[in-house]
Amino acid sequence: MAQSVTEDASFNISGKVLVAIAIAFSAAIGMFFKLDAEIQLAKTLPEPIDPEITRMEFDMKDQLVRQTIMTTQEDVGEIKDDIKLIKQKLYE
């Protein structure tokens, strides 16, 4: 049985549903304006100051990185030696 929508068609909405729709709509609008205000405030805040890296700090970090690489290289060498020993014991 097919129903058609005409000019005479009507539907009923209870008062509770209308109030719920109004509350949801007003909450959404309120959140939009609050978010917009926070965005505008964030635009006016000062930008963070770029940290200046001194030559001494750069050299210390560079030395630390190089030392870490050398330590890792030594560890890899030890692991390779261990693998050689394991292979020798495995194939004997």
N, C-alpha and C. Protein backbone atom coordinates (compact mmCIF):
# COMPACT_ATOMS: atom_id res chain seq x y z
N MET A 1 0.84 -1.17 0.00
CA MET A 1 0.00 0.00 0.00
C MET A 1 0.89 1.24 0.00
N ALA A 2 0.90 1.95 -1.06
CA ALA A 2 1.76 3.12 -1.22
C ALA A 2 1.08 4.35 -0.66
N GLN A 3 1.85 5.13 0.06
CA GLN A 3 1.33 6.38 0.59
C GLN A 3 2.01 7.52 -0.13
N SER A 4 1.28 8.56 -0.38
CA SER A 4 1.88 9.71 -1.05
C SER A 4 1.78 10.93 -0.15
N VAL A 5 2.70 11.82 -0.32
CA VAL A 5 2.71 13.05 0.45
C VAL A 5 2.05 14.13 -0.39
N THR A 6 1.02 14.70 0.16
CA THR A 6 0.31 15.77 -0.56
C THR A 6 0.28 17.00 0.32
N GLU A 7 -0.37 18.06 -0.18
CA GLU A 7 -0.49 19.29 0.60
C GLU A 7 -1.33 19.07 1.86
N ASP A 8 -2.19 18.12 1.83
CA ASP A 8 -3.07 17.87 2.97
C ASP A 8 -2.40 16.97 4.02
N ALA A 9 -1.24 16.43 3.74
CA ALA A 9 -0.57 15.54 4.68
C ALA A 9 -0.11 16.33 5.89
N SER A 10 -0.16 15.69 7.03
CA SER A 10 0.29 16.35 8.25
C SER A 10 1.03 15.34 9.12
N PHE A 11 1.81 15.87 10.04
CA PHE A 11 2.51 15.01 10.99
C PHE A 11 2.48 15.71 12.34
N ASN A 12 2.60 14.92 13.36
CA ASN A 12 2.49 15.45 14.71
C ASN A 12 3.84 15.37 15.42
N ILE A 13 4.21 16.45 16.08
CA ILE A 13 5.43 16.49 16.89
C ILE A 13 5.01 16.93 18.28
N SER A 14 5.46 16.18 19.26
CA SER A 14 5.09 16.52 20.62
C SER A 14 5.94 17.69 21.12
N GLY A 15 5.49 18.28 22.19
CA GLY A 15 6.20 19.41 22.77
C GLY A 15 7.57 19.02 23.28
N LYS A 16 7.70 17.81 23.81
CA LYS A 16 8.99 17.33 24.31
C LYS A 16 10.02 17.27 23.19
N VAL A 17 9.59 16.81 22.04
CA VAL A 17 10.50 16.71 20.90
C VAL A 17 10.93 18.11 20.44
N LEU A 18 10.00 19.05 20.40
CA LEU A 18 10.34 20.42 20.00
C LEU A 18 11.33 21.05 20.98
N VAL A 19 11.11 20.83 22.27
CA VAL A 19 12.02 21.36 23.29
C VAL A 19 13.40 20.72 23.14
N ALA A 20 13.45 19.43 22.91
CA ALA A 20 14.73 18.73 22.75
C ALA A 20 15.47 19.25 21.52
N ILE A 21 14.77 19.48 20.43
CA ILE A 21 15.38 20.02 19.21
C ILE A 21 15.91 21.42 19.48
N ALA A 22 15.14 22.24 20.18
CA ALA A 22 15.56 23.61 20.48
C ALA A 22 16.80 23.61 21.38
N ILE A 23 16.85 22.73 22.37
CA ILE A 23 18.01 22.66 23.27
C ILE A 23 19.24 22.20 22.50
N ALA A 24 19.10 21.19 21.66
CA ALA A 24 20.23 20.70 20.87
C ALA A 24 20.74 21.77 19.92
N PHE A 25 19.83 22.49 19.29
CA PHE A 25 20.20 23.54 18.35
C PHE A 25 20.92 24.68 19.07
N SER A 26 20.40 25.08 20.22
CA SER A 26 21.04 26.17 20.96
C SER A 26 22.40 25.74 21.52
N ALA A 27 22.54 24.48 21.91
CA ALA A 27 23.83 23.98 22.39
C ALA A 27 24.86 23.99 21.26
N ALA A 28 24.45 23.58 20.08
CA ALA A 28 25.36 23.59 18.93
C ALA A 28 25.80 25.00 18.58
N ILE A 29 24.88 25.94 18.61
CA ILE A 29 25.22 27.34 18.31
C ILE A 29 26.15 27.89 19.40
N GLY A 30 25.88 27.57 20.64
CA GLY A 30 26.73 28.02 21.74
C GLY A 30 28.15 27.48 21.62
N MET A 31 28.29 26.21 21.27
CA MET A 31 29.62 25.63 21.10
C MET A 31 30.35 26.28 19.93
N PHE A 32 29.63 26.59 18.86
CA PHE A 32 30.26 27.25 17.71
C PHE A 32 30.84 28.60 18.11
N PHE A 33 30.04 29.42 18.81
CA PHE A 33 30.52 30.75 19.19
C PHE A 33 31.65 30.68 20.22
N LYS A 34 31.60 29.70 21.12
CA LYS A 34 32.68 29.53 22.10
C LYS A 34 33.97 29.14 21.39
N LEU A 35 33.88 28.22 20.45
CA LEU A 35 35.05 27.80 19.70
C LEU A 35 35.60 28.96 18.87
N ASP A 36 34.73 29.73 18.27
CA ASP A 36 35.15 30.88 17.48
C ASP A 36 35.88 31.90 18.36
N ALA A 37 35.38 32.12 19.56
CA ALA A 37 36.02 33.06 20.48
C ALA A 37 37.40 32.55 20.90
N GLU A 38 37.54 31.26 21.13
CA GLU A 38 38.83 30.70 21.50
C GLU A 38 39.83 30.80 20.35
N ILE A 39 39.36 30.63 19.14
CA ILE A 39 40.23 30.77 17.97
C ILE A 39 40.71 32.21 17.84
N GLN A 40 39.81 33.16 18.03
CA GLN A 40 40.21 34.57 17.95
C GLN A 40 41.20 34.93 19.05
N LEU A 41 41.03 34.37 20.24
CA LEU A 41 41.96 34.62 21.33
C LEU A 41 43.33 34.03 21.01
N ALA A 42 43.34 32.83 20.44
CA ALA A 42 44.60 32.18 20.10
C ALA A 42 45.36 32.97 19.03
N LYS A 43 44.63 33.64 18.16
CA LYS A 43 45.29 34.44 17.12
C LYS A 43 46.02 35.65 17.72
N THR A 44 45.54 36.15 18.84
CA THR A 44 46.15 37.35 19.43
C THR A 44 47.29 37.03 20.38
N LEU A 45 47.43 35.78 20.79
CA LEU A 45 48.49 35.41 21.72
C LEU A 45 49.85 35.57 21.05
N PRO A 46 50.86 35.91 21.82
CA PRO A 46 52.18 36.07 21.21
C PRO A 46 52.74 34.72 20.76
N GLU A 47 53.52 34.80 19.70
CA GLU A 47 54.14 33.57 19.20
C GLU A 47 55.30 33.19 20.11
N PRO A 48 55.58 31.89 20.24
CA PRO A 48 56.68 31.49 21.11
C PRO A 48 58.02 31.97 20.54
N ILE A 49 58.91 32.28 21.43
CA ILE A 49 60.22 32.76 21.03
C ILE A 49 61.06 31.57 20.58
N ASP A 50 61.72 31.74 19.43
CA ASP A 50 62.57 30.67 18.93
C ASP A 50 63.77 30.51 19.87
N PRO A 51 64.03 29.28 20.30
CA PRO A 51 65.18 29.09 21.19
C PRO A 51 66.48 29.26 20.40
N GLU A 52 67.39 29.99 20.99
CA GLU A 52 68.68 30.17 20.34
C GLU A 52 69.59 29.04 20.77
N ILE A 53 70.17 28.37 19.80
CA ILE A 53 71.08 27.28 20.09
C ILE A 53 72.50 27.83 20.03
N THR A 54 73.18 27.71 21.13
CA THR A 54 74.55 28.23 21.18
C THR A 54 75.49 27.23 20.51
N ARG A 55 76.66 27.71 20.18
CA ARG A 55 77.66 26.86 19.54
C ARG A 55 78.08 25.74 20.49
N MET A 56 78.20 26.06 21.77
CA MET A 56 78.60 25.06 22.75
C MET A 56 77.55 23.94 22.85
N GLU A 57 76.28 24.33 22.87
CA GLU A 57 75.21 23.34 22.95
C GLU A 57 75.21 22.46 21.70
N PHE A 58 75.41 23.07 20.55
CA PHE A 58 75.46 22.31 19.29
C PHE A 58 76.61 21.32 19.32
N ASP A 59 77.79 21.78 19.76
CA ASP A 59 78.95 20.89 19.81
C ASP A 59 78.73 19.73 20.77
N MET A 60 78.10 20.00 21.92
CA MET A 60 77.83 18.94 22.89
C MET A 60 76.87 17.91 22.33
N LYS A 61 75.83 18.38 21.66
CA LYS A 61 74.86 17.44 21.06
C LYS A 61 75.51 16.64 19.94
N ASP A 62 76.35 17.30 19.15
CA ASP A 62 77.05 16.61 18.07
C ASP A 62 77.97 15.53 18.63
N GLN A 63 78.68 15.87 19.70
CA GLN A 63 79.57 14.91 20.33
C GLN A 63 78.78 13.72 20.89
N LEU A 64 77.64 13.99 21.49
CA LEU A 64 76.80 12.92 22.04
C LEU A 64 76.31 11.99 20.93
N VAL A 65 75.89 12.57 19.81
CA VAL A 65 75.41 11.75 18.69
C VAL A 65 76.55 10.89 18.15
N ARG A 66 77.71 11.49 17.98
CA ARG A 66 78.85 10.73 17.47
C ARG A 66 79.25 9.60 18.43
N GLN A 67 79.23 9.88 19.73
CA GLN A 67 79.56 8.86 20.72
C GLN A 67 78.54 7.73 20.69
N THR A 68 77.29 8.06 20.53
CA THR A 68 76.24 7.04 20.46
C THR A 68 76.43 6.17 19.23
N ILE A 69 76.80 6.77 18.11
CA ILE A 69 77.03 6.00 16.89
C ILE A 69 78.21 5.05 17.08
N MET A 70 79.26 5.53 17.69
CA MET A 70 80.43 4.68 17.91
C MET A 70 80.10 3.52 18.85
N THR A 71 79.34 3.79 19.89
CA THR A 71 78.94 2.73 20.81
C THR A 71 78.08 1.69 20.09
N THR A 72 77.18 2.17 19.27
CA THR A 72 76.32 1.25 18.51
C THR A 72 77.17 0.43 17.54
N GLN A 73 78.16 1.04 16.93
CA GLN A 73 79.04 0.33 16.01
C GLN A 73 79.80 -0.77 16.74
N GLU A 74 80.27 -0.49 17.94
CA GLU A 74 80.97 -1.51 18.72
C GLU A 74 80.03 -2.65 19.09
N ASP A 75 78.80 -2.30 19.46
CA ASP A 75 77.81 -3.33 19.81
C ASP A 75 77.51 -4.23 18.61
N VAL A 76 77.39 -3.63 17.43
CA VAL A 76 77.13 -4.42 16.22
C VAL A 76 78.31 -5.35 15.95
N GLY A 77 79.53 -4.85 16.15
CA GLY A 77 80.70 -5.71 15.96
C GLY A 77 80.68 -6.90 16.90
N GLU A 78 80.32 -6.68 18.16
CA GLU A 78 80.23 -7.78 19.13
C GLU A 78 79.14 -8.77 18.73
N ILE A 79 78.03 -8.26 18.24
CA ILE A 79 76.94 -9.14 17.82
C ILE A 79 77.37 -9.99 16.63
N LYS A 80 78.11 -9.40 15.69
CA LYS A 80 78.61 -10.17 14.54
C LYS A 80 79.55 -11.28 14.99
N ASP A 81 80.43 -10.97 15.95
CA ASP A 81 81.33 -11.99 16.47
C ASP A 81 80.55 -13.12 17.12
N ASP A 82 79.53 -12.77 17.89
CA ASP A 82 78.70 -13.79 18.54
C ASP A 82 77.99 -14.66 17.50
N ILE A 83 77.52 -14.05 16.43
CA ILE A 83 76.83 -14.81 15.39
C ILE A 83 77.80 -15.78 14.71
N LYS A 84 79.05 -15.33 14.48
CA LYS A 84 80.06 -16.22 13.89
C LYS A 84 80.29 -17.43 14.79
N LEU A 85 80.41 -17.19 16.11
CA LEU A 85 80.61 -18.30 17.04
C LEU A 85 79.42 -19.26 17.04
N ILE A 86 78.24 -18.69 17.00
CA ILE A 86 77.02 -19.53 16.99
C ILE A 86 76.98 -20.37 15.72
N LYS A 87 77.33 -19.77 14.58
CA LYS A 87 77.34 -20.53 13.32
C LYS A 87 78.36 -21.65 13.36
N GLN A 88 79.56 -21.37 13.92
CA GLN A 88 80.59 -22.41 14.02
C GLN A 88 80.10 -23.56 14.89
N LYS A 89 79.47 -23.26 16.01
CA LYS A 89 78.97 -24.32 16.90
C LYS A 89 77.81 -25.06 16.26
N LEU A 90 77.03 -24.37 15.46
CA LEU A 90 75.86 -24.98 14.82
C LEU A 90 76.28 -25.99 13.75
N TYR A 91 77.31 -25.66 12.98
CA TYR A 91 77.70 -26.52 11.88
C TYR A 91 78.76 -27.57 12.25
N GLU A 92 79.23 -27.55 13.49
CA GLU A 92 80.19 -28.57 13.92
C GLU A 92 79.53 -29.88 14.22
